[in-house]
Amino acid sequence: MTEAQKKFVALEKRKEEIKQYYEDLRAATEAVLQEVGLDGFFQDPSDGIVFKIVEPEGKFVTFEKVSYVRTRRPHEKRGDLSLKEAEAAGFKVPEKA
């Protein structure tokens, strides 16, 4: 087998595990929606990342009904949720590394 074929087979074997991950994430997102509401925020106290529950813009193939955006992680250039918006919502955001 070629390296590309080996990689394909290895990834294909993980398909069900990955599918379950996305189903679990969707269910968890729905549960948070019930807690904070659409356009609601929450923060991970371990690293200061702020999340906002939003309706997706339709750029994903699955067209989920609810999704989230978040501020950038320290190693990232930017996140989907601006630091200014998170700060305006009352969150203390981590400084850029």
C-alpha atoms as a PDB file:
ATOM      1  CA  MET A   1       0.000   0.000   0.000  1.00  0.00           C
ATOM      2  CA  THR A   2       1.108   3.546  -0.663  1.00  0.00           C
ATOM      3  CA  GLU A   3       1.435   6.057   2.160  1.00  0.00           C
ATOM      4  CA  ALA A   4      -1.690   7.857   0.909  1.00  0.00           C
ATOM      5  CA  GLN A   5      -3.640   4.580   0.946  1.00  0.00           C
ATOM      6  CA  LYS A   6      -2.392   3.723   4.435  1.00  0.00           C
ATOM      7  CA  LYS A   7      -3.455   7.139   5.697  1.00  0.00           C
ATOM      8  CA  PHE A   8      -6.860   6.766   4.037  1.00  0.00           C
ATOM      9  CA  VAL A   9      -7.457   3.350   5.605  1.00  0.00           C
ATOM     10  CA  ALA A  10      -6.358   4.579   9.048  1.00  0.00           C
ATOM     11  CA  LEU A  11      -8.690   7.578   8.824  1.00  0.00           C
ATOM     12  CA  GLU A  12     -11.572   5.537   7.472  1.00  0.00           C
ATOM     13  CA  LYS A  13     -11.285   3.168  10.439  1.00  0.00           C
ATOM     14  CA  ARG A  14     -11.766   6.186  12.752  1.00  0.00           C
ATOM     15  CA  LYS A  15     -14.867   7.400  10.868  1.00  0.00           C
ATOM     16  CA  GLU A  16     -17.414   6.127  13.416  1.00  0.00           C
ATOM     17  CA  GLU A  17     -15.388   7.543  16.326  1.00  0.00           C
ATOM     18  CA  ILE A  18     -15.200  10.935  14.627  1.00  0.00           C
ATOM     19  CA  LYS A  19     -18.888  10.835  13.680  1.00  0.00           C
ATOM     20  CA  GLN A  20     -19.745  10.149  17.335  1.00  0.00           C
ATOM     21  CA  TYR A  21     -17.562  13.089  18.420  1.00  0.00           C
ATOM     22  CA  TYR A  22     -19.509  15.489  16.185  1.00  0.00           C
ATOM     23  CA  GLU A  23     -22.836  14.074  17.362  1.00  0.00           C
ATOM     24  CA  ASP A  24     -21.703  14.523  20.991  1.00  0.00           C
ATOM     25  CA  LEU A  25     -20.517  18.083  20.270  1.00  0.00           C
ATOM     26  CA  ARG A  26     -23.861  18.929  18.623  1.00  0.00           C
ATOM     27  CA  ALA A  27     -25.768  17.596  21.645  1.00  0.00           C
ATOM     28  CA  ALA A  28     -23.508  19.503  24.048  1.00  0.00           C
ATOM     29  CA  THR A  29     -23.981  22.679  22.000  1.00  0.00           C
ATOM     30  CA  GLU A  30     -27.753  22.229  22.159  1.00  0.00           C
ATOM     31  CA  ALA A  31     -27.540  21.775  25.956  1.00  0.00           C
ATOM     32  CA  VAL A  32     -25.507  24.987  26.314  1.00  0.00           C
ATOM     33  CA  LEU A  33     -28.041  26.749  24.055  1.00  0.00           C
ATOM     34  CA  GLN A  34     -30.718  25.834  26.601  1.00  0.00           C
ATOM     35  CA  GLU A  35     -28.570  27.313  29.392  1.00  0.00           C
ATOM     36  CA  VAL A  36     -27.317  30.583  27.854  1.00  0.00           C
ATOM     37  CA  GLY A  37     -29.659  31.103  24.892  1.00  0.00           C
ATOM     38  CA  LEU A  38     -28.922  32.118  21.320  1.00  0.00           C
ATOM     39  CA  ASP A  39     -26.185  34.780  21.193  1.00  0.00           C
ATOM     40  CA  GLY A  40     -25.339  33.885  24.810  1.00  0.00           C
ATOM     41  CA  PHE A  41     -21.759  33.751  26.069  1.00  0.00           C
ATOM     42  CA  PHE A  42     -19.782  31.573  28.466  1.00  0.00           C
ATOM     43  CA  GLN A  43     -16.106  31.295  29.376  1.00  0.00           C
ATOM     44  CA  ASP A  44     -13.707  28.420  30.024  1.00  0.00           C
ATOM     45  CA  PRO A  45     -12.045  29.391  33.319  1.00  0.00           C
ATOM     46  CA  SER A  46      -9.012  27.195  32.626  1.00  0.00           C
ATOM     47  CA  ASP A  47      -7.740  29.287  29.690  1.00  0.00           C
ATOM     48  CA  GLY A  48     -10.080  32.292  29.432  1.00  0.00           C
ATOM     49  CA  ILE A  49     -11.497  31.349  26.014  1.00  0.00           C
ATOM     50  CA  VAL A  50     -14.942  32.905  25.505  1.00  0.00           C
ATOM     51  CA  PHE A  51     -17.629  31.073  23.509  1.00  0.00           C
ATOM     52  CA  LYS A  52     -20.819  32.510  21.977  1.00  0.00           C
ATOM     53  CA  ILE A  53     -23.756  30.361  20.837  1.00  0.00           C
ATOM     54  CA  VAL A  54     -24.783  31.468  17.331  1.00  0.00           C
ATOM     55  CA  GLU A  55     -26.772  30.426  14.286  1.00  0.00           C
ATOM     56  CA  PRO A  56     -24.239  29.293  11.655  1.00  0.00           C
ATOM     57  CA  GLU A  57     -23.858  31.355   8.510  1.00  0.00           C
ATOM     58  CA  GLY A  58     -24.578  28.305   6.346  1.00  0.00           C
ATOM     59  CA  LYS A  59     -20.967  27.679   5.348  1.00  0.00           C
ATOM     60  CA  PHE A  60     -20.983  24.103   6.665  1.00  0.00           C
ATOM     61  CA  VAL A  61     -22.281  21.209   4.617  1.00  0.00           C
ATOM     62  CA  THR A  62     -24.411  19.878   7.478  1.00  0.00           C
ATOM     63  CA  PHE A  63     -26.189  23.214   8.085  1.00  0.00           C
ATOM     64  CA  GLU A  64     -26.482  22.821  11.835  1.00  0.00           C
ATOM     65  CA  LYS A  65     -29.288  24.781  13.497  1.00  0.00           C
ATOM     66  CA  VAL A  66     -27.015  26.025  16.262  1.00  0.00           C
ATOM     67  CA  SER A  67     -23.263  26.404  16.541  1.00  0.00           C
ATOM     68  CA  TYR A  68     -20.675  28.461  18.449  1.00  0.00           C
ATOM     69  CA  VAL A  69     -17.848  30.903  17.866  1.00  0.00           C
ATOM     70  CA  ARG A  70     -14.968  31.497  20.256  1.00  0.00           C
ATOM     71  CA  THR A  71     -12.094  33.813  20.933  1.00  0.00           C
ATOM     72  CA  ARG A  72      -8.656  32.790  19.735  1.00  0.00           C
ATOM     73  CA  ARG A  73      -6.439  30.437  21.656  1.00  0.00           C
ATOM     74  CA  PRO A  74      -2.963  31.757  22.616  1.00  0.00           C
ATOM     75  CA  HIS A  75      -1.241  30.067  19.653  1.00  0.00           C
ATOM     76  CA  GLU A  76      -3.830  31.271  17.098  1.00  0.00           C
ATOM     77  CA  LYS A  77      -3.766  34.505  15.122  1.00  0.00           C
ATOM     78  CA  ARG A  78      -7.521  35.077  15.512  1.00  0.00           C
ATOM     79  CA  GLY A  79     -10.746  33.415  16.587  1.00  0.00           C
ATOM     80  CA  ASP A  80     -14.269  33.610  15.192  1.00  0.00           C
ATOM     81  CA  LEU A  81     -15.398  35.738  18.157  1.00  0.00           C
ATOM     82  CA  SER A  82     -13.586  39.059  18.471  1.00  0.00           C
ATOM     83  CA  LEU A  83     -11.860  39.893  21.738  1.00  0.00           C
ATOM     84  CA  LYS A  84     -13.669  43.254  21.697  1.00  0.00           C
ATOM     85  CA  GLU A  85     -17.080  41.562  21.549  1.00  0.00           C
ATOM     86  CA  ALA A  86     -16.136  39.189  24.365  1.00  0.00           C
ATOM     87  CA  GLU A  87     -14.863  42.098  26.478  1.00  0.00           C
ATOM     88  CA  ALA A  88     -18.016  44.110  25.708  1.00  0.00           C
ATOM     89  CA  ALA A  89     -20.027  41.140  27.001  1.00  0.00           C
ATOM     90  CA  GLY A  90     -18.179  41.476  30.324  1.00  0.00           C
ATOM     91  CA  PHE A  91     -15.467  38.834  30.003  1.00  0.00           C
ATOM     92  CA  LYS A  92     -11.791  39.264  30.883  1.00  0.00           C
ATOM     93  CA  VAL A  93      -9.920  37.802  27.926  1.00  0.00           C
ATOM     94  CA  PRO A  94      -6.343  36.495  27.948  1.00  0.00           C
ATOM     95  CA  GLU A  95      -3.590  38.740  26.617  1.00  0.00           C
ATOM     96  CA  LYS A  96      -1.960  37.848  23.311  1.00  0.00           C
ATOM     97  CA  ALA A  97       1.113  35.632  23.795  1.00  0.00           C
END
